[in-house]
Amino acid sequence: MSEVVSGVSAIPNPFLEQIGIVSEEMHDGRARISLELQEQHMNSWQITHGGVLMTMLDVVMAMAGRSLHHDQKGVVTIEIKTSFLQPGGVIGGKLEAKAQAFHQSTTMCFCDGEIWSGDKLVAKAMGTYKYLKSLKSKASLQKMGGTD
């Protein structure tokens, strides 16, 4: 894994920066992120798009799993099961996602995640993540993705 500075992942992620997700905490199998909701996060009904919620859950659970292994470079998502319990919020609101790793093997970890809007539980998820050893080069990544 990359270094962890003040309990937060130091891995740069342009996609998450573009969305506006903020890493709040990452240590001992736990993680927490937040998002200030803006117009670009809304669907046609002007509530938080489900893809934003799924992204938050995937990220926070992966962070929880990564926090258990400082020698690992990261994790890849194997599967996620999500239940949407109520609308995720509107422009000007704030969402907080929390996760914990509840089981791990030498190659995989299993995590629970939740998204909260204030005191309202918006979504719950369970995810399976595979620990990823360091890839040697950009060429290795391209091979993995099936491109030349």
N, C-alpha and C. Protein backbone atom coordinates (compact mmCIF):
# COMPACT_ATOMS: atom_id res chain seq x y z
N MET A 1 0.83 -1.17 0.00
CA MET A 1 0.00 0.00 0.00
C MET A 1 0.88 1.23 0.00
N SER A 2 0.34 2.33 -0.45
CA SER A 2 1.09 3.57 -0.38
C SER A 2 1.15 4.02 1.07
N GLU A 3 1.92 5.04 1.29
CA GLU A 3 2.01 5.54 2.65
C GLU A 3 0.65 6.08 3.09
N VAL A 4 0.41 6.08 4.37
CA VAL A 4 -0.79 6.66 4.93
C VAL A 4 -0.36 7.85 5.77
N VAL A 5 -0.86 9.02 5.43
CA VAL A 5 -0.50 10.25 6.11
C VAL A 5 -1.66 10.66 7.00
N SER A 6 -1.42 10.78 8.29
CA SER A 6 -2.45 11.19 9.25
C SER A 6 -3.71 10.35 9.12
N GLY A 7 -3.55 9.06 8.86
CA GLY A 7 -4.70 8.18 8.80
C GLY A 7 -5.47 8.23 7.50
N VAL A 8 -4.97 8.96 6.48
CA VAL A 8 -5.69 9.09 5.22
C VAL A 8 -4.79 8.61 4.08
N SER A 9 -5.37 7.94 3.12
CA SER A 9 -4.61 7.41 1.99
C SER A 9 -3.90 8.53 1.24
N ALA A 10 -2.66 8.28 0.86
CA ALA A 10 -1.88 9.26 0.11
C ALA A 10 -1.85 8.92 -1.38
N ILE A 11 -2.63 7.93 -1.83
CA ILE A 11 -2.67 7.57 -3.24
C ILE A 11 -3.48 8.62 -3.99
N PRO A 12 -2.88 9.29 -4.98
CA PRO A 12 -3.64 10.27 -5.76
C PRO A 12 -4.67 9.56 -6.64
N ASN A 13 -5.86 10.14 -6.78
CA ASN A 13 -6.90 9.55 -7.59
C ASN A 13 -7.66 10.67 -8.29
N PRO A 14 -7.31 10.97 -9.55
CA PRO A 14 -7.95 12.08 -10.27
C PRO A 14 -9.47 11.95 -10.37
N PHE A 15 -9.98 10.74 -10.53
CA PHE A 15 -11.43 10.54 -10.62
C PHE A 15 -12.13 11.01 -9.34
N LEU A 16 -11.60 10.59 -8.19
CA LEU A 16 -12.23 10.98 -6.92
C LEU A 16 -12.08 12.48 -6.67
N GLU A 17 -10.95 13.05 -7.08
CA GLU A 17 -10.77 14.50 -6.94
C GLU A 17 -11.79 15.24 -7.80
N GLN A 18 -12.05 14.74 -9.01
CA GLN A 18 -13.03 15.36 -9.90
C GLN A 18 -14.42 15.32 -9.30
N ILE A 19 -14.78 14.21 -8.68
CA ILE A 19 -16.09 14.08 -8.06
C ILE A 19 -16.20 14.96 -6.81
N GLY A 20 -15.09 15.10 -6.09
CA GLY A 20 -15.10 15.91 -4.87
C GLY A 20 -15.08 15.10 -3.59
N ILE A 21 -14.79 13.80 -3.69
CA ILE A 21 -14.74 12.95 -2.51
C ILE A 21 -13.52 13.30 -1.67
N VAL A 22 -13.73 13.43 -0.37
CA VAL A 22 -12.67 13.79 0.56
C VAL A 22 -12.40 12.60 1.49
N SER A 23 -11.15 12.17 1.56
CA SER A 23 -10.75 11.11 2.50
C SER A 23 -10.63 11.71 3.89
N GLU A 24 -11.33 11.14 4.84
CA GLU A 24 -11.32 11.67 6.21
C GLU A 24 -10.48 10.82 7.16
N GLU A 25 -10.53 9.48 6.97
CA GLU A 25 -9.89 8.58 7.93
C GLU A 25 -9.62 7.24 7.25
N MET A 26 -8.48 6.62 7.61
CA MET A 26 -8.14 5.30 7.05
C MET A 26 -7.10 4.65 7.96
N HIS A 27 -7.53 3.68 8.77
CA HIS A 27 -6.59 2.97 9.64
C HIS A 27 -7.27 1.76 10.27
N ASP A 28 -6.47 0.76 10.61
CA ASP A 28 -6.93 -0.41 11.38
C ASP A 28 -8.20 -1.05 10.83
N GLY A 29 -8.31 -1.16 9.52
CA GLY A 29 -9.48 -1.81 8.92
C GLY A 29 -10.71 -0.94 8.86
N ARG A 30 -10.56 0.35 9.07
CA ARG A 30 -11.69 1.28 9.02
C ARG A 30 -11.34 2.45 8.10
N ALA A 31 -12.38 3.03 7.50
CA ALA A 31 -12.19 4.20 6.64
C ALA A 31 -13.45 5.05 6.65
N ARG A 32 -13.26 6.33 6.33
CA ARG A 32 -14.38 7.27 6.26
C ARG A 32 -14.07 8.33 5.20
N ILE A 33 -15.05 8.62 4.36
CA ILE A 33 -14.93 9.66 3.35
C ILE A 33 -16.19 10.53 3.39
N SER A 34 -16.12 11.69 2.74
CA SER A 34 -17.30 12.57 2.70
C SER A 34 -17.41 13.23 1.33
N LEU A 35 -18.60 13.79 1.07
CA LEU A 35 -18.87 14.46 -0.19
C LEU A 35 -19.89 15.56 0.04
N GLU A 36 -19.53 16.79 -0.34
CA GLU A 36 -20.46 17.91 -0.35
C GLU A 36 -21.22 17.83 -1.67
N LEU A 37 -22.54 17.69 -1.61
CA LEU A 37 -23.33 17.45 -2.82
C LEU A 37 -23.50 18.72 -3.65
N GLN A 38 -23.22 18.57 -4.96
CA GLN A 38 -23.34 19.66 -5.92
C GLN A 38 -24.20 19.20 -7.09
N GLU A 39 -24.47 20.11 -7.99
CA GLU A 39 -25.35 19.82 -9.12
C GLU A 39 -24.91 18.60 -9.92
N GLN A 40 -23.60 18.44 -10.13
CA GLN A 40 -23.11 17.32 -10.96
C GLN A 40 -23.32 15.96 -10.30
N HIS A 41 -23.68 15.91 -9.02
CA HIS A 41 -23.91 14.65 -8.32
C HIS A 41 -25.37 14.19 -8.41
N MET A 42 -26.24 15.01 -9.01
CA MET A 42 -27.68 14.74 -9.02
C MET A 42 -28.11 13.96 -10.26
N ASN A 43 -29.21 13.23 -10.10
CA ASN A 43 -29.83 12.57 -11.25
C ASN A 43 -30.95 13.47 -11.78
N SER A 44 -31.77 12.96 -12.69
CA SER A 44 -32.83 13.78 -13.31
C SER A 44 -33.92 14.17 -12.31
N TRP A 45 -33.99 13.50 -11.17
CA TRP A 45 -34.97 13.85 -10.14
C TRP A 45 -34.39 14.81 -9.10
N GLN A 46 -33.16 15.24 -9.34
CA GLN A 46 -32.45 16.17 -8.46
C GLN A 46 -32.17 15.58 -7.07
N ILE A 47 -31.91 14.27 -7.05
CA ILE A 47 -31.39 13.61 -5.85
C ILE A 47 -30.09 12.92 -6.24
N THR A 48 -29.28 12.57 -5.28
CA THR A 48 -27.95 12.01 -5.56
C THR A 48 -28.07 10.77 -6.45
N HIS A 49 -27.28 10.76 -7.52
CA HIS A 49 -27.27 9.65 -8.47
C HIS A 49 -26.76 8.39 -7.77
N GLY A 50 -27.36 7.25 -8.06
CA GLY A 50 -26.95 5.98 -7.47
C GLY A 50 -25.50 5.63 -7.78
N GLY A 51 -24.99 6.05 -8.92
CA GLY A 51 -23.60 5.80 -9.27
C GLY A 51 -22.63 6.52 -8.35
N VAL A 52 -23.03 7.70 -7.88
CA VAL A 52 -22.21 8.43 -6.91
C VAL A 52 -22.16 7.65 -5.60
N LEU A 53 -23.32 7.16 -5.17
CA LEU A 53 -23.39 6.37 -3.93
C LEU A 53 -22.55 5.09 -4.04
N MET A 54 -22.67 4.39 -5.19
CA MET A 54 -21.89 3.16 -5.39
C MET A 54 -20.40 3.46 -5.39
N THR A 55 -20.00 4.55 -6.03
CA THR A 55 -18.59 4.93 -6.05
C THR A 55 -18.09 5.17 -4.63
N MET A 56 -18.86 5.91 -3.84
CA MET A 56 -18.45 6.18 -2.46
C MET A 56 -18.30 4.89 -1.67
N LEU A 57 -19.25 3.98 -1.82
CA LEU A 57 -19.18 2.71 -1.08
C LEU A 57 -17.97 1.88 -1.52
N ASP A 58 -17.74 1.80 -2.82
CA ASP A 58 -16.59 1.04 -3.33
C ASP A 58 -15.29 1.62 -2.79
N VAL A 59 -15.15 2.92 -2.86
CA VAL A 59 -13.92 3.58 -2.42
C VAL A 59 -13.68 3.39 -0.93
N VAL A 60 -14.70 3.63 -0.13
CA VAL A 60 -14.49 3.58 1.33
C VAL A 60 -14.22 2.14 1.79
N MET A 61 -14.87 1.15 1.17
CA MET A 61 -14.59 -0.23 1.55
C MET A 61 -13.19 -0.65 1.11
N ALA A 62 -12.77 -0.24 -0.09
CA ALA A 62 -11.41 -0.54 -0.56
C ALA A 62 -10.38 0.09 0.37
N MET A 63 -10.63 1.31 0.80
CA MET A 63 -9.71 1.97 1.74
C MET A 63 -9.61 1.19 3.05
N ALA A 64 -10.75 0.73 3.56
CA ALA A 64 -10.74 -0.04 4.81
C ALA A 64 -9.90 -1.30 4.64
N GLY A 65 -10.06 -2.00 3.52
CA GLY A 65 -9.26 -3.20 3.27
C GLY A 65 -7.78 -2.89 3.11
N ARG A 66 -7.46 -1.83 2.37
CA ARG A 66 -6.06 -1.45 2.17
C ARG A 66 -5.38 -1.08 3.47
N SER A 67 -6.13 -0.53 4.40
CA SER A 67 -5.51 -0.05 5.65
C SER A 67 -4.96 -1.18 6.51
N LEU A 68 -5.30 -2.41 6.19
CA LEU A 68 -4.83 -3.56 6.97
C LEU A 68 -3.45 -4.05 6.54
N HIS A 69 -3.00 -3.66 5.35
CA HIS A 69 -1.73 -4.17 4.80
C HIS A 69 -0.89 -3.04 4.25
N HIS A 70 0.03 -2.55 5.03
CA HIS A 70 0.87 -1.44 4.60
C HIS A 70 1.85 -1.85 3.50
N ASP A 71 2.07 -3.15 3.31
CA ASP A 71 3.00 -3.60 2.26
C ASP A 71 2.30 -3.84 0.93
N GLN A 72 0.99 -3.71 0.89
CA GLN A 72 0.25 -3.92 -0.35
C GLN A 72 0.09 -2.60 -1.09
N LYS A 73 0.03 -2.66 -2.41
CA LYS A 73 -0.15 -1.46 -3.22
C LYS A 73 -1.61 -1.07 -3.36
N GLY A 74 -2.51 -1.97 -3.14
CA GLY A 74 -3.92 -1.63 -3.27
C GLY A 74 -4.78 -2.86 -3.30
N VAL A 75 -6.02 -2.65 -3.67
CA VAL A 75 -6.99 -3.74 -3.80
C VAL A 75 -7.77 -3.53 -5.09
N VAL A 76 -8.32 -4.61 -5.60
CA VAL A 76 -9.25 -4.52 -6.72
C VAL A 76 -10.58 -5.11 -6.27
N THR A 77 -11.64 -4.54 -6.77
CA THR A 77 -12.99 -4.96 -6.38
C THR A 77 -13.35 -6.25 -7.10
N ILE A 78 -13.79 -7.23 -6.32
CA ILE A 78 -14.29 -8.49 -6.88
C ILE A 78 -15.81 -8.43 -7.04
N GLU A 79 -16.49 -7.97 -5.99
CA GLU A 79 -17.94 -7.81 -6.07
C GLU A 79 -18.43 -6.86 -4.99
N ILE A 80 -19.57 -6.26 -5.28
CA ILE A 80 -20.25 -5.38 -4.31
C ILE A 80 -21.74 -5.67 -4.38
N LYS A 81 -22.36 -5.75 -3.23
CA LYS A 81 -23.82 -5.87 -3.13
C LYS A 81 -24.29 -4.64 -2.36
N THR A 82 -25.18 -3.87 -2.95
CA THR A 82 -25.63 -2.63 -2.34
C THR A 82 -27.14 -2.61 -2.19
N SER A 83 -27.59 -2.10 -1.06
CA SER A 83 -29.01 -1.85 -0.83
C SER A 83 -29.20 -0.35 -0.65
N PHE A 84 -30.06 0.25 -1.49
CA PHE A 84 -30.39 1.66 -1.38
C PHE A 84 -31.62 1.77 -0.49
N LEU A 85 -31.52 2.48 0.60
CA LEU A 85 -32.59 2.52 1.60
C LEU A 85 -33.48 3.75 1.48
N GLN A 86 -32.91 4.86 1.03
CA GLN A 86 -33.69 6.08 0.82
C GLN A 86 -32.89 7.03 -0.05
N PRO A 87 -33.51 8.10 -0.56
CA PRO A 87 -32.77 9.03 -1.42
C PRO A 87 -31.51 9.55 -0.73
N GLY A 88 -30.48 9.78 -1.54
CA GLY A 88 -29.17 10.11 -0.99
C GLY A 88 -28.93 11.54 -0.63
N GLY A 89 -29.77 12.46 -0.98
CA GLY A 89 -29.54 13.84 -0.62
C GLY A 89 -29.70 14.76 -1.81
N VAL A 90 -29.66 16.06 -1.51
CA VAL A 90 -29.88 17.08 -2.53
C VAL A 90 -28.71 18.05 -2.53
N ILE A 91 -28.69 18.92 -3.52
CA ILE A 91 -27.63 19.92 -3.64
C ILE A 91 -27.51 20.68 -2.32
N GLY A 92 -26.28 20.82 -1.85
CA GLY A 92 -26.02 21.53 -0.59
C GLY A 92 -25.92 20.60 0.60
N GLY A 93 -26.35 19.35 0.44
CA GLY A 93 -26.24 18.37 1.53
C GLY A 93 -24.83 17.79 1.58
N LYS A 94 -24.62 16.96 2.58
CA LYS A 94 -23.32 16.29 2.73
C LYS A 94 -23.57 14.82 3.03
N LEU A 95 -22.82 13.97 2.35
CA LEU A 95 -22.87 12.53 2.61
C LEU A 95 -21.58 12.09 3.27
N GLU A 96 -21.69 11.11 4.16
CA GLU A 96 -20.51 10.52 4.79
C GLU A 96 -20.60 9.01 4.61
N ALA A 97 -19.53 8.42 4.12
CA ALA A 97 -19.46 6.96 3.94
C ALA A 97 -18.45 6.41 4.93
N LYS A 98 -18.82 5.31 5.58
CA LYS A 98 -17.96 4.65 6.56
C LYS A 98 -17.86 3.18 6.19
N ALA A 99 -16.71 2.58 6.47
CA ALA A 99 -16.56 1.15 6.18
C ALA A 99 -15.62 0.50 7.18
N GLN A 100 -15.78 -0.81 7.28
CA GLN A 100 -14.83 -1.60 8.07
C GLN A 100 -14.62 -2.94 7.40
N ALA A 101 -13.39 -3.42 7.48
CA ALA A 101 -13.07 -4.76 7.00
C ALA A 101 -13.42 -5.72 8.13
N PHE A 102 -14.24 -6.72 7.84
CA PHE A 102 -14.66 -7.64 8.91
C PHE A 102 -14.02 -9.02 8.80
N HIS A 103 -13.36 -9.32 7.67
CA HIS A 103 -12.67 -10.61 7.54
C HIS A 103 -11.62 -10.46 6.45
N GLN A 104 -10.51 -11.18 6.61
CA GLN A 104 -9.50 -11.17 5.56
C GLN A 104 -8.79 -12.52 5.49
N SER A 105 -8.31 -12.82 4.30
CA SER A 105 -7.44 -13.97 4.09
C SER A 105 -6.11 -13.42 3.61
N THR A 106 -5.24 -14.26 3.13
CA THR A 106 -3.95 -13.75 2.66
C THR A 106 -4.09 -12.96 1.36
N THR A 107 -5.14 -13.23 0.59
CA THR A 107 -5.28 -12.56 -0.70
C THR A 107 -6.54 -11.70 -0.85
N MET A 108 -7.47 -11.80 0.09
CA MET A 108 -8.74 -11.09 -0.05
C MET A 108 -9.20 -10.51 1.28
N CYS A 109 -10.09 -9.52 1.18
CA CYS A 109 -10.74 -9.01 2.38
C CYS A 109 -12.21 -8.75 2.08
N PHE A 110 -12.99 -8.74 3.13
CA PHE A 110 -14.44 -8.58 3.05
C PHE A 110 -14.82 -7.39 3.93
N CYS A 111 -15.62 -6.49 3.37
CA CYS A 111 -15.91 -5.23 4.05
C CYS A 111 -17.40 -4.91 4.04
N ASP A 112 -17.82 -4.16 5.05
CA ASP A 112 -19.16 -3.57 5.13
C ASP A 112 -19.02 -2.07 4.96
N GLY A 113 -19.99 -1.44 4.31
CA GLY A 113 -19.97 0.01 4.17
C GLY A 113 -21.37 0.59 4.33
N GLU A 114 -21.42 1.85 4.74
CA GLU A 114 -22.68 2.57 4.90
C GLU A 114 -22.49 4.00 4.43
N ILE A 115 -23.57 4.58 3.92
CA ILE A 115 -23.59 6.02 3.61
C ILE A 115 -24.68 6.66 4.45
N TRP A 116 -24.30 7.77 5.06
CA TRP A 116 -25.20 8.52 5.93
C TRP A 116 -25.38 9.94 5.40
N SER A 117 -26.60 10.43 5.49
CA SER A 117 -26.92 11.83 5.24
C SER A 117 -27.46 12.36 6.56
N GLY A 118 -26.57 13.00 7.32
CA GLY A 118 -26.95 13.39 8.68
C GLY A 118 -27.20 12.15 9.50
N ASP A 119 -28.40 12.04 10.08
CA ASP A 119 -28.74 10.87 10.91
C ASP A 119 -29.54 9.82 10.13
N LYS A 120 -29.60 9.96 8.80
CA LYS A 120 -30.36 9.03 7.97
C LYS A 120 -29.42 8.09 7.22
N LEU A 121 -29.66 6.79 7.37
CA LEU A 121 -28.91 5.78 6.65
C LEU A 121 -29.45 5.71 5.22
N VAL A 122 -28.59 6.00 4.24
CA VAL A 122 -28.98 6.08 2.84
C VAL A 122 -28.78 4.75 2.12
N ALA A 123 -27.63 4.10 2.36
CA ALA A 123 -27.30 2.86 1.64
C ALA A 123 -26.35 2.02 2.47
N LYS A 124 -26.43 0.70 2.26
CA LYS A 124 -25.51 -0.24 2.90
C LYS A 124 -24.94 -1.14 1.81
N ALA A 125 -23.71 -1.59 2.04
CA ALA A 125 -23.09 -2.46 1.04
C ALA A 125 -22.16 -3.46 1.71
N MET A 126 -21.91 -4.53 1.00
CA MET A 126 -20.89 -5.50 1.38
C MET A 126 -20.03 -5.72 0.14
N GLY A 127 -18.71 -5.73 0.33
CA GLY A 127 -17.82 -5.89 -0.81
C GLY A 127 -16.71 -6.89 -0.54
N THR A 128 -16.23 -7.49 -1.62
CA THR A 128 -15.09 -8.40 -1.58
C THR A 128 -13.98 -7.79 -2.41
N TYR A 129 -12.77 -7.75 -1.85
CA TYR A 129 -11.63 -7.10 -2.49
C TYR A 129 -10.43 -8.03 -2.49
N LYS A 130 -9.71 -8.04 -3.60
CA LYS A 130 -8.50 -8.84 -3.72
C LYS A 130 -7.30 -7.93 -3.55
N TYR A 131 -6.37 -8.35 -2.69
CA TYR A 131 -5.14 -7.58 -2.51
C TYR A 131 -4.32 -7.66 -3.79
N LEU A 132 -3.76 -6.54 -4.18
CA LEU A 132 -3.03 -6.41 -5.43
C LEU A 132 -1.57 -6.11 -5.13
N LYS A 133 -0.69 -6.95 -5.63
CA LYS A 133 0.74 -6.67 -5.52
C LYS A 133 1.07 -5.54 -6.49
N SER A 134 2.17 -4.92 -6.31
CA SER A 134 2.59 -3.81 -7.16
C SER A 134 2.71 -4.26 -8.61
N LEU A 135 2.19 -3.43 -9.51
CA LEU A 135 2.38 -3.68 -10.93
C LEU A 135 3.68 -3.00 -11.33
N LYS A 136 4.46 -3.67 -12.17
CA LYS A 136 5.81 -3.18 -12.45
C LYS A 136 5.86 -1.97 -13.36
N SER A 137 4.86 -1.79 -14.22
CA SER A 137 4.96 -0.70 -15.18
C SER A 137 3.60 -0.37 -15.77
N LYS A 138 3.56 0.73 -16.50
CA LYS A 138 2.35 1.09 -17.24
C LYS A 138 2.00 0.00 -18.25
N ALA A 139 3.02 -0.64 -18.80
CA ALA A 139 2.79 -1.73 -19.76
C ALA A 139 2.02 -2.88 -19.11
N SER A 140 2.32 -3.18 -17.85
CA SER A 140 1.59 -4.23 -17.14
C SER A 140 0.13 -3.87 -16.97
N LEU A 141 -0.14 -2.60 -16.66
CA LEU A 141 -1.52 -2.14 -16.53
C LEU A 141 -2.26 -2.24 -17.85
N GLN A 142 -1.61 -1.87 -18.92
CA GLN A 142 -2.24 -1.94 -20.23
C GLN A 142 -2.56 -3.37 -20.61
N LYS A 143 -1.65 -4.30 -20.28
CA LYS A 143 -1.90 -5.72 -20.54
C LYS A 143 -3.13 -6.20 -19.77
N MET A 144 -3.20 -5.81 -18.48
CA MET A 144 -4.34 -6.19 -17.65
C MET A 144 -5.64 -5.72 -18.26
N GLY A 145 -5.62 -4.50 -18.82
CA GLY A 145 -6.82 -3.91 -19.41
C GLY A 145 -7.11 -4.38 -20.81
N GLY A 146 -6.22 -5.20 -21.37
CA GLY A 146 -6.45 -5.75 -22.70
C GLY A 146 -6.11 -4.79 -23.82
N THR A 147 -5.36 -3.72 -23.51
CA THR A 147 -4.97 -2.79 -24.57
C THR A 147 -3.49 -2.94 -24.85
N ASP A 148 -3.08 -2.44 -26.02
CA ASP A 148 -1.66 -2.53 -26.39
C ASP A 148 -0.86 -1.37 -25.87
